[in-house]
Amino acid sequence: MSDGLRCSTCGQDTVIEIELTLPDGSAVVFCSCHRCESKWWDRDGEQLDLDSLVDVTRREP
């Protein structure tokens, strides 16, 4: 669990973070709320939805 990270859907602090590196070398953080099961990805402070993440992974490096 992360200090201070709150779910933007339910407001709870039951969020886990997993740091990942995409095939193009960019770093993202996968976030998942244990309470409401919302999931999102963060890249450099910008929240990405699944469609945006897929677009990033499809780009040529």
N, C-alpha and C. Protein backbone atom coordinates (compact mmCIF):
# COMPACT_ATOMS: atom_id res chain seq x y z
N MET A 1 0.84 -1.17 0.00
CA MET A 1 0.00 0.00 0.00
C MET A 1 0.88 1.23 0.00
N SER A 2 0.41 2.25 -0.66
CA SER A 2 1.22 3.45 -0.80
C SER A 2 0.80 4.51 0.22
N ASP A 3 1.76 5.28 0.73
CA ASP A 3 1.44 6.37 1.65
C ASP A 3 0.79 7.51 0.87
N GLY A 4 -0.45 7.85 1.25
CA GLY A 4 -1.11 9.00 0.67
C GLY A 4 -1.81 8.78 -0.66
N LEU A 5 -1.61 7.67 -1.33
CA LEU A 5 -2.28 7.44 -2.60
C LEU A 5 -3.72 7.03 -2.34
N ARG A 6 -4.64 7.74 -2.98
CA ARG A 6 -6.06 7.45 -2.82
C ARG A 6 -6.68 7.13 -4.17
N CYS A 7 -7.65 6.25 -4.13
CA CYS A 7 -8.39 5.88 -5.33
C CYS A 7 -9.25 7.07 -5.77
N SER A 8 -9.19 7.41 -7.04
CA SER A 8 -9.99 8.52 -7.56
C SER A 8 -11.46 8.13 -7.72
N THR A 9 -11.77 6.84 -7.64
CA THR A 9 -13.16 6.39 -7.77
C THR A 9 -13.87 6.36 -6.42
N CYS A 10 -13.27 5.70 -5.41
CA CYS A 10 -13.96 5.53 -4.13
C CYS A 10 -13.33 6.34 -2.99
N GLY A 11 -12.14 6.90 -3.21
CA GLY A 11 -11.50 7.74 -2.19
C GLY A 11 -10.74 6.98 -1.12
N GLN A 12 -10.72 5.67 -1.18
CA GLN A 12 -10.02 4.89 -0.17
C GLN A 12 -8.52 4.87 -0.41
N ASP A 13 -7.76 4.54 0.64
CA ASP A 13 -6.30 4.48 0.51
C ASP A 13 -5.82 3.03 0.43
N THR A 14 -6.66 2.17 -0.08
CA THR A 14 -6.33 0.74 -0.21
C THR A 14 -5.80 0.45 -1.61
N VAL A 15 -4.86 1.25 -2.05
CA VAL A 15 -4.33 1.18 -3.41
C VAL A 15 -2.92 0.59 -3.39
N ILE A 16 -2.66 -0.33 -4.31
CA ILE A 16 -1.30 -0.83 -4.48
C ILE A 16 -0.71 -0.21 -5.74
N GLU A 17 0.61 -0.12 -5.79
CA GLU A 17 1.33 0.41 -6.94
C GLU A 17 2.37 -0.61 -7.37
N ILE A 18 2.46 -0.82 -8.68
CA ILE A 18 3.48 -1.71 -9.24
C ILE A 18 4.17 -0.95 -10.37
N GLU A 19 5.48 -0.77 -10.25
CA GLU A 19 6.24 -0.08 -11.29
C GLU A 19 6.54 -1.05 -12.43
N LEU A 20 6.29 -0.59 -13.66
CA LEU A 20 6.50 -1.41 -14.85
C LEU A 20 7.27 -0.62 -15.90
N THR A 21 8.01 -1.33 -16.73
CA THR A 21 8.68 -0.72 -17.87
C THR A 21 8.05 -1.28 -19.14
N LEU A 22 7.56 -0.39 -20.00
CA LEU A 22 6.92 -0.80 -21.25
C LEU A 22 7.97 -1.19 -22.28
N PRO A 23 7.55 -1.89 -23.33
CA PRO A 23 8.51 -2.31 -24.36
C PRO A 23 9.31 -1.16 -24.98
N ASP A 24 8.73 0.05 -25.00
CA ASP A 24 9.46 1.19 -25.57
C ASP A 24 10.44 1.81 -24.58
N GLY A 25 10.53 1.24 -23.35
CA GLY A 25 11.45 1.73 -22.35
C GLY A 25 10.86 2.74 -21.39
N SER A 26 9.64 3.21 -21.65
CA SER A 26 9.03 4.18 -20.75
C SER A 26 8.51 3.48 -19.49
N ALA A 27 8.52 4.22 -18.39
CA ALA A 27 8.09 3.67 -17.11
C ALA A 27 6.66 4.08 -16.82
N VAL A 28 5.88 3.16 -16.29
CA VAL A 28 4.52 3.44 -15.83
C VAL A 28 4.33 2.79 -14.47
N VAL A 29 3.34 3.28 -13.76
CA VAL A 29 2.98 2.69 -12.48
C VAL A 29 1.55 2.18 -12.61
N PHE A 30 1.37 0.88 -12.38
CA PHE A 30 0.04 0.28 -12.37
C PHE A 30 -0.53 0.44 -10.97
N CYS A 31 -1.75 0.94 -10.88
CA CYS A 31 -2.42 1.14 -9.59
C CYS A 31 -3.71 0.36 -9.57
N SER A 32 -4.01 -0.24 -8.42
CA SER A 32 -5.23 -1.03 -8.27
C SER A 32 -5.79 -0.82 -6.87
N CYS A 33 -7.08 -0.53 -6.79
CA CYS A 33 -7.74 -0.32 -5.51
C CYS A 33 -8.35 -1.64 -5.04
N HIS A 34 -7.98 -2.04 -3.83
CA HIS A 34 -8.52 -3.28 -3.28
C HIS A 34 -10.01 -3.18 -2.97
N ARG A 35 -10.47 -1.99 -2.65
CA ARG A 35 -11.87 -1.85 -2.23
C ARG A 35 -12.83 -1.90 -3.41
N CYS A 36 -12.63 -1.07 -4.42
CA CYS A 36 -13.60 -0.99 -5.53
C CYS A 36 -13.09 -1.63 -6.82
N GLU A 37 -11.82 -2.09 -6.80
CA GLU A 37 -11.20 -2.77 -7.93
C GLU A 37 -10.94 -1.88 -9.14
N SER A 38 -10.92 -0.55 -8.95
CA SER A 38 -10.53 0.34 -10.05
C SER A 38 -9.07 0.11 -10.36
N LYS A 39 -8.73 0.25 -11.63
CA LYS A 39 -7.35 0.07 -12.07
C LYS A 39 -6.99 1.20 -13.02
N TRP A 40 -5.77 1.70 -12.88
CA TRP A 40 -5.30 2.73 -13.77
C TRP A 40 -3.78 2.69 -13.83
N TRP A 41 -3.22 3.40 -14.79
CA TRP A 41 -1.78 3.47 -14.98
C TRP A 41 -1.38 4.93 -14.94
N ASP A 42 -0.22 5.21 -14.39
CA ASP A 42 0.28 6.58 -14.27
C ASP A 42 1.63 6.66 -14.96
N ARG A 43 1.79 7.67 -15.81
CA ARG A 43 3.08 7.90 -16.46
C ARG A 43 3.43 9.37 -16.31
N ASP A 44 4.48 9.64 -15.56
CA ASP A 44 4.96 11.01 -15.33
C ASP A 44 3.85 11.92 -14.80
N GLY A 45 3.02 11.40 -13.89
CA GLY A 45 1.95 12.20 -13.30
C GLY A 45 0.67 12.25 -14.11
N GLU A 46 0.67 11.64 -15.28
CA GLU A 46 -0.52 11.62 -16.14
C GLU A 46 -1.21 10.26 -16.00
N GLN A 47 -2.49 10.29 -15.66
CA GLN A 47 -3.24 9.05 -15.52
C GLN A 47 -3.65 8.54 -16.90
N LEU A 48 -3.34 7.28 -17.17
CA LEU A 48 -3.67 6.66 -18.45
C LEU A 48 -4.77 5.63 -18.24
N ASP A 49 -5.73 5.58 -19.16
CA ASP A 49 -6.69 4.49 -19.13
C ASP A 49 -6.14 3.35 -19.98
N LEU A 50 -6.84 2.24 -20.03
CA LEU A 50 -6.34 1.07 -20.75
C LEU A 50 -6.11 1.37 -22.22
N ASP A 51 -7.03 2.09 -22.87
CA ASP A 51 -6.86 2.41 -24.30
C ASP A 51 -5.60 3.23 -24.54
N SER A 52 -5.33 4.20 -23.67
CA SER A 52 -4.12 5.02 -23.81
C SER A 52 -2.87 4.18 -23.62
N LEU A 53 -2.92 3.27 -22.66
CA LEU A 53 -1.76 2.40 -22.40
C LEU A 53 -1.48 1.51 -23.61
N VAL A 54 -2.52 0.95 -24.20
CA VAL A 54 -2.36 0.10 -25.38
C VAL A 54 -1.76 0.91 -26.52
N ASP A 55 -2.20 2.15 -26.69
CA ASP A 55 -1.64 3.01 -27.75
C ASP A 55 -0.14 3.24 -27.52
N VAL A 56 0.26 3.48 -26.28
CA VAL A 56 1.67 3.69 -25.96
C VAL A 56 2.48 2.46 -26.29
N THR A 57 1.98 1.28 -25.96
CA THR A 57 2.75 0.06 -26.19
C THR A 57 2.83 -0.30 -27.66
N ARG A 58 1.93 0.20 -28.48
CA ARG A 58 1.96 -0.08 -29.92
C ARG A 58 2.87 0.83 -30.70
N ARG A 59 3.27 1.96 -30.11
CA ARG A 59 4.15 2.91 -30.82
C ARG A 59 5.53 2.32 -31.04
N GLU A 60 6.10 2.68 -32.15
CA GLU A 60 7.47 2.28 -32.45
C GLU A 60 8.42 3.00 -31.50
N PRO A 61 9.43 2.33 -30.96
CA PRO A 61 10.40 3.00 -30.07
C PRO A 61 11.24 4.01 -30.82
